[in-house]
N, C-alpha and C. Protein backbone atom coordinates (compact mmCIF):
# COMPACT_ATOMS: atom_id res chain seq x y z
N UNK A 1 0.75 -1.32 -0.03
CA UNK A 1 0.09 0.12 0.33
C UNK A 1 0.47 1.07 -0.07
N UNK A 2 0.55 2.07 -1.21
CA UNK A 2 1.52 3.40 -1.28
C UNK A 2 0.75 4.46 -0.42
N UNK A 3 1.33 5.19 0.42
CA UNK A 3 1.10 6.40 0.76
C UNK A 3 1.05 7.83 0.16
N UNK A 4 0.23 8.42 -0.09
CA UNK A 4 0.65 9.88 -0.41
C UNK A 4 0.35 11.08 0.09
N UNK A 5 1.45 11.77 0.32
CA UNK A 5 1.27 13.05 1.19
C UNK A 5 1.24 14.36 0.67
N UNK A 6 0.31 15.16 0.34
CA UNK A 6 0.22 16.33 -0.11
C UNK A 6 0.26 17.47 0.61
N UNK A 7 0.94 18.42 -0.13
CA UNK A 7 0.67 19.99 0.57
C UNK A 7 0.92 21.00 -0.55
N UNK A 8 0.71 22.16 -0.06
CA UNK A 8 0.36 23.30 -0.76
C UNK A 8 -0.69 24.08 -1.22
N UNK A 9 -1.84 23.50 -0.60
CA UNK A 9 -2.79 24.22 -0.89
C UNK A 9 -3.12 25.28 -0.56
N UNK A 10 -4.39 26.14 -0.73
CA UNK A 10 -4.78 27.32 -0.02
C UNK A 10 -5.51 27.89 -0.88
N UNK A 11 -5.42 29.33 -0.14
CA UNK A 11 -6.29 30.63 -0.82
C UNK A 11 -5.89 31.55 -1.41
N UNK A 12 -6.10 31.81 -2.87
CA UNK A 12 -5.21 32.99 -3.72
C UNK A 12 -6.12 34.10 -4.21
N UNK A 13 -5.79 34.69 -4.84
CA UNK A 13 -6.32 35.88 -5.34
C UNK A 13 -6.40 35.42 -7.11
N UNK A 14 -7.03 35.91 -8.04
CA UNK A 14 -6.64 35.58 -9.44
C UNK A 14 -5.58 35.90 -9.80
N UNK A 15 -4.98 35.35 -10.73
CA UNK A 15 -3.81 35.74 -11.40
C UNK A 15 -2.23 35.13 -10.49
N UNK A 16 -2.46 34.94 -9.18
CA UNK A 16 -1.25 34.43 -8.63
C UNK A 16 -1.25 32.86 -8.51
N UNK A 17 -0.26 33.03 -8.19
CA UNK A 17 0.47 31.23 -8.02
C UNK A 17 0.55 30.41 -6.97
N UNK A 18 0.34 29.17 -7.06
CA UNK A 18 0.69 28.19 -5.78
C UNK A 18 1.34 26.85 -6.58
N UNK A 19 2.29 26.38 -5.39
CA UNK A 19 2.69 24.90 -6.02
C UNK A 19 2.11 23.76 -5.02
N UNK A 20 1.63 22.77 -5.68
CA UNK A 20 1.14 21.65 -4.85
C UNK A 20 2.16 20.20 -4.89
N UNK A 21 2.75 20.04 -3.93
CA UNK A 21 3.74 18.62 -4.10
C UNK A 21 2.81 17.48 -3.03
N UNK A 22 3.30 16.27 -3.76
CA UNK A 22 2.81 14.85 -3.18
C UNK A 22 4.16 14.20 -3.28
N UNK A 23 4.53 13.44 -1.97
CA UNK A 23 5.54 12.73 -1.87
C UNK A 23 4.45 11.03 -1.56
N UNK A 24 5.18 10.19 -2.83
CA UNK A 24 4.84 8.61 -1.98
C UNK A 24 5.71 8.15 -0.78
N UNK A 25 5.26 7.45 -0.26
CA UNK A 25 6.00 6.12 0.73
C UNK A 25 7.05 5.32 0.03
N UNK A 26 6.48 4.67 -1.02
CA UNK A 26 7.83 4.09 -2.06
C UNK A 26 7.57 4.90 -3.15
N UNK A 27 9.35 5.10 -3.41
CA UNK A 27 9.46 5.77 -4.79
C UNK A 27 9.90 4.95 -5.93
N UNK A 28 9.70 3.51 -5.91
CA UNK A 28 9.83 2.89 -6.71
C UNK A 28 9.04 2.36 -7.72
N UNK A 29 8.93 1.66 -9.16
CA UNK A 29 8.23 1.50 -9.86
C UNK A 29 7.27 2.22 -9.72
N UNK A 30 7.25 3.44 -9.86
CA UNK A 30 6.29 4.23 -10.32
C UNK A 30 5.92 4.59 -11.28
N UNK A 31 4.94 4.59 -12.45
CA UNK A 31 4.85 4.54 -13.72
C UNK A 31 4.40 6.01 -13.73
N UNK A 32 2.83 6.42 -13.61
CA UNK A 32 2.44 7.79 -13.88
C UNK A 32 2.11 8.60 -12.39
N UNK A 33 2.65 9.64 -12.55
CA UNK A 33 2.26 10.74 -11.04
C UNK A 33 1.53 11.86 -11.90
N UNK A 34 0.82 12.17 -10.84
CA UNK A 34 0.63 13.74 -11.31
C UNK A 34 -1.19 13.85 -10.30
N UNK A 35 -1.67 14.91 -11.20
CA UNK A 35 -2.79 15.66 -10.46
C UNK A 35 -4.57 15.58 -10.89
N UNK A 36 -5.07 15.37 -10.46
CA UNK A 36 -6.62 15.18 -10.55
C UNK A 36 -7.46 16.53 -9.60
N UNK A 37 -8.48 17.22 -10.18
CA UNK A 37 -9.02 18.06 -9.09
C UNK A 37 -10.72 17.74 -9.49
N UNK A 38 -11.46 18.14 -8.04
CA UNK A 38 -12.90 17.96 -8.25
C UNK A 38 -13.26 19.46 -7.58
N UNK A 39 -14.25 19.89 -8.33
CA UNK A 39 -14.79 21.30 -8.09
C UNK A 39 -15.94 21.01 -7.33
N UNK A 40 -16.97 21.59 -6.77
CA UNK A 40 -18.08 21.29 -5.74
C UNK A 40 -19.10 20.71 -7.23
N UNK A 41 -20.03 19.71 -6.85
CA UNK A 41 -20.86 19.46 -8.13
C UNK A 41 -20.51 18.73 -9.22
N UNK A 42 -19.04 18.49 -9.00
CA UNK A 42 -18.52 18.20 -10.71
C UNK A 42 -17.78 16.83 -10.17
N UNK A 43 -17.59 16.26 -11.54
CA UNK A 43 -16.41 15.06 -11.46
C UNK A 43 -15.09 15.40 -11.43
N UNK A 44 -14.48 14.22 -10.72
CA UNK A 44 -13.06 14.52 -10.57
C UNK A 44 -12.61 14.43 -12.07
N UNK A 45 -11.50 15.47 -12.55
CA UNK A 45 -11.29 15.68 -13.71
C UNK A 45 -9.58 15.49 -14.14
N UNK A 46 -9.09 15.07 -15.12
CA UNK A 46 -7.32 15.28 -15.11
C UNK A 46 -6.97 16.50 -15.01
N UNK A 47 -6.01 17.03 -14.87
CA UNK A 47 -5.21 18.36 -14.63
C UNK A 47 -4.17 18.09 -15.35
N UNK A 48 -3.30 17.00 -14.92
CA UNK A 48 -1.99 16.81 -15.34
C UNK A 48 -1.12 15.58 -15.12
N UNK A 49 -0.45 14.73 -15.79
CA UNK A 49 0.48 13.62 -15.56
C UNK A 49 1.58 13.77 -16.23
N UNK A 50 2.35 13.08 -15.39
CA UNK A 50 3.76 12.97 -15.89
C UNK A 50 4.02 11.62 -15.40
N UNK A 51 4.65 10.78 -16.82
CA UNK A 51 5.44 9.20 -16.57
C UNK A 51 6.79 8.88 -16.07
N UNK A 52 7.06 7.97 -16.08
CA UNK A 52 8.48 7.94 -15.35
C UNK A 52 9.83 8.23 -16.32
N UNK A 53 9.09 8.31 -17.47
CA UNK A 53 10.58 9.18 -18.78
C UNK A 53 10.01 10.93 -18.35
N UNK A 54 9.56 11.26 -18.22
CA UNK A 54 9.32 12.71 -18.24
C UNK A 54 8.28 13.13 -19.16
N UNK A 55 7.15 12.03 -19.90
CA UNK A 55 6.12 12.66 -20.77
C UNK A 55 5.11 13.29 -19.58
N UNK A 56 4.61 14.33 -20.20
CA UNK A 56 3.62 14.92 -19.54
C UNK A 56 2.33 15.34 -20.22
N UNK A 57 1.21 15.30 -19.96
CA UNK A 57 -0.45 15.28 -20.56
C UNK A 57 -0.78 16.25 -19.41
N UNK A 58 -1.70 17.41 -20.07
CA UNK A 58 -2.42 18.38 -19.48
C UNK A 58 -3.67 18.46 -19.56
N UNK A 59 -4.47 18.97 -19.28
CA UNK A 59 -5.79 19.29 -19.21
C UNK A 59 -5.86 20.42 -20.18
N UNK A 60 -6.84 20.60 -21.19
CA UNK A 60 -6.54 22.18 -22.05
C UNK A 60 -6.95 23.23 -21.15
N UNK A 61 -7.74 23.29 -20.31
CA UNK A 61 -7.99 24.43 -19.25
C UNK A 61 -6.85 24.69 -18.54
N UNK A 62 -5.63 24.18 -18.65
CA UNK A 62 -4.36 24.25 -17.48
C UNK A 62 -3.03 24.36 -18.36
N UNK A 63 -3.19 24.18 -19.87
CA UNK A 63 -1.99 24.52 -20.32
C UNK A 63 -1.65 25.64 -20.69
N UNK A 64 -0.13 25.84 -20.46
CA UNK A 64 0.63 26.97 -20.54
C UNK A 64 0.39 28.00 -19.10
N UNK A 65 -0.07 27.40 -18.25
CA UNK A 65 -0.76 27.68 -16.98
C UNK A 65 0.10 27.06 -15.55
N UNK A 66 -0.09 25.81 -15.99
CA UNK A 66 0.48 24.57 -15.12
C UNK A 66 1.34 24.08 -15.19
N UNK A 67 2.54 23.58 -14.92
CA UNK A 67 3.40 23.03 -15.19
C UNK A 67 3.72 21.45 -13.76
N UNK A 68 3.65 20.48 -14.70
CA UNK A 68 4.07 19.36 -13.47
C UNK A 68 5.40 18.38 -13.55
N UNK A 69 5.77 18.64 -12.59
CA UNK A 69 7.39 17.88 -12.66
C UNK A 69 7.26 16.77 -11.49
N UNK A 70 8.24 15.97 -11.61
CA UNK A 70 8.39 14.87 -10.61
C UNK A 70 10.15 14.80 -10.58
N UNK A 71 10.19 13.93 -9.35
CA UNK A 71 11.56 13.19 -8.64
C UNK A 71 11.85 11.75 -8.64
N UNK A 72 12.14 11.11 -9.65
CA UNK A 72 11.73 9.95 -9.76
C UNK A 72 12.45 9.42 -8.59
N UNK A 73 13.65 9.40 -8.04
CA UNK A 73 14.32 8.79 -6.69
C UNK A 73 13.61 9.06 -5.35
N UNK A 74 13.07 10.55 -5.37
CA UNK A 74 12.23 10.94 -4.38
C UNK A 74 10.62 10.37 -4.01
N UNK A 75 10.32 9.95 -5.31
CA UNK A 75 8.47 9.77 -5.45
C UNK A 75 8.00 10.67 -5.16
N UNK A 76 8.11 12.36 -5.40
CA UNK A 76 7.76 13.19 -5.32
C UNK A 76 7.47 13.95 -6.71
N UNK A 77 6.13 14.42 -6.81
CA UNK A 77 5.68 15.21 -7.89
C UNK A 77 5.04 16.66 -7.49
N UNK A 78 5.13 17.78 -8.38
CA UNK A 78 4.66 19.13 -7.94
C UNK A 78 3.75 19.07 -8.82
N UNK A 79 3.24 20.53 -8.76
CA UNK A 79 1.97 20.85 -9.53
C UNK A 79 2.45 22.52 -9.65
N UNK A 80 3.00 22.95 -10.32
CA UNK A 80 3.13 24.74 -10.16
C UNK A 80 2.43 25.18 -10.97
N UNK A 81 1.17 25.73 -10.44
CA UNK A 81 0.22 26.79 -10.94
C UNK A 81 0.62 28.07 -10.70
N UNK A 82 0.18 28.82 -12.27
CA UNK A 82 0.53 29.95 -12.27
C UNK A 82 -0.86 30.82 -13.09
N UNK A 83 -0.91 31.78 -12.89
CA UNK A 83 -2.17 32.72 -13.40
C UNK A 83 -3.13 32.19 -13.20
N UNK A 84 -3.38 31.68 -11.67
CA UNK A 84 -4.68 30.92 -11.26
C UNK A 84 -6.34 31.53 -11.43
N UNK A 85 -6.92 30.86 -11.94
CA UNK A 85 -8.32 31.69 -12.10
C UNK A 85 -9.37 30.71 -11.40
N UNK A 86 -10.44 31.88 -11.11
CA UNK A 86 -11.62 31.17 -10.56
C UNK A 86 -11.98 29.93 -10.58
N UNK A 87 -11.91 29.12 -11.84
CA UNK A 87 -12.68 28.03 -11.97
C UNK A 87 -11.43 26.99 -11.51
N UNK A 88 -10.32 27.34 -11.23
CA UNK A 88 -9.47 26.52 -11.09
C UNK A 88 -9.98 26.22 -9.37
N UNK A 89 -10.66 26.72 -8.73
CA UNK A 89 -11.22 26.15 -7.02
C UNK A 89 -11.50 24.78 -7.33
N UNK A 90 -11.25 23.80 -6.56
CA UNK A 90 -11.37 22.58 -6.33
C UNK A 90 -10.24 21.91 -5.17
N UNK A 91 -10.86 20.34 -4.98
CA UNK A 91 -9.91 19.77 -4.33
C UNK A 91 -9.31 19.26 -5.46
N UNK A 92 -7.65 19.12 -4.76
CA UNK A 92 -6.65 18.63 -5.89
C UNK A 92 -6.26 17.14 -5.30
N UNK A 93 -6.14 16.53 -6.04
CA UNK A 93 -6.06 15.04 -5.54
C UNK A 93 -4.68 14.46 -6.61
N UNK A 94 -3.68 13.68 -5.29
CA UNK A 94 -2.63 13.66 -5.92
C UNK A 94 -2.83 12.10 -6.73
N UNK A 95 -2.06 11.75 -7.99
CA UNK A 95 -2.91 10.24 -8.11
C UNK A 95 -1.15 9.46 -8.88
N UNK A 96 -1.01 8.31 -8.67
CA UNK A 96 -0.11 7.73 -8.67
C UNK A 96 -0.56 6.45 -9.15
N UNK A 97 0.20 5.66 -10.33
CA UNK A 97 -0.29 4.45 -10.75
C UNK A 97 1.09 3.54 -11.21
N UNK A 98 1.41 2.69 -10.30
CA UNK A 98 2.76 1.75 -10.22
C UNK A 98 2.59 0.81 -12.04
N UNK A 99 3.91 0.82 -11.78
CA UNK A 99 4.22 0.21 -12.96
C UNK A 99 4.25 -0.99 -13.31
N UNK A 100 4.02 -1.97 -12.60
CA UNK A 100 4.14 -3.37 -12.77
C UNK A 100 2.56 -3.90 -12.54
N UNK A 101 2.46 -3.42 -11.63
CA UNK A 101 0.83 -4.11 -10.94
C UNK A 101 -0.39 -3.11 -11.42
N UNK A 102 0.00 -2.12 -12.05
CA UNK A 102 -1.05 -0.86 -12.44
C UNK A 102 -2.14 -0.35 -11.44
N UNK A 103 -1.63 -0.65 -9.90
CA UNK A 103 -2.68 -0.58 -9.41
C UNK A 103 -2.53 1.21 -8.94
N UNK A 104 -3.44 2.00 -8.75
CA UNK A 104 -3.68 3.37 -8.76
C UNK A 104 -3.85 3.57 -7.17
N UNK A 105 -3.59 4.64 -6.70
CA UNK A 105 -3.31 5.39 -5.25
C UNK A 105 -3.79 6.83 -5.63
N UNK A 106 -4.48 7.16 -4.67
CA UNK A 106 -4.96 8.73 -4.36
C UNK A 106 -4.44 9.25 -2.95
N UNK A 107 -4.22 10.65 -3.20
CA UNK A 107 -3.95 11.15 -1.68
C UNK A 107 -5.29 11.57 -1.04
N UNK A 108 -5.00 12.24 -0.18
CA UNK A 108 -6.36 12.62 0.60
C UNK A 108 -7.05 14.03 0.23
N UNK A 109 -6.29 14.97 -1.12
CA UNK A 109 -6.80 15.77 -1.48
C UNK A 109 -6.18 17.10 -0.95
N UNK A 110 -6.28 18.11 -1.01
CA UNK A 110 -5.59 19.48 -0.67
C UNK A 110 -6.46 20.37 -1.46
N UNK A 111 -7.16 21.35 -1.03
CA UNK A 111 -8.19 22.62 -1.07
C UNK A 111 -7.60 23.32 -1.77
N UNK A 112 -7.34 23.74 -3.18
CA UNK A 112 -7.03 25.43 -3.90
C UNK A 112 -8.55 26.12 -3.65
N UNK A 113 -8.26 27.54 -3.45
CA UNK A 113 -9.53 28.27 -3.14
C UNK A 113 -8.73 29.42 -4.35
N UNK A 114 -9.50 29.79 -5.38
CA UNK A 114 -8.88 31.32 -6.34
C UNK A 114 -10.46 32.28 -5.88
N UNK A 115 -10.09 33.38 -5.41
CA UNK A 115 -11.32 34.66 -5.14
C UNK A 115 -10.80 35.53 -4.65
N UNK A 116 -11.48 36.58 -5.35
CA UNK A 116 -11.16 38.06 -5.09
C UNK A 116 -11.68 38.69 -4.08
């Protein structure tokens, strides 16, 4: 069982930045790492993913504003969020998929609130 510990959420104004961090209790054999988010009344949706060789995927709504990165040795993934918008308000969940078993793990979620 892999545990994911998230940090970095908070409340900001539109146009500001936040950086989310997530560290897995085990760093070996992780394929995908990334972030999903869920706004009130909406389904959980992909924000950004990065695989073990650094290939990334982003939701169209965050391209050019958010950057996902990872440290394979440390088992840590970050999400740098710039130019935040009101519609970025959501609970952000760290996501990990193991490379061998394909088992998925989720963090507990961290709240990001963008308000003026």
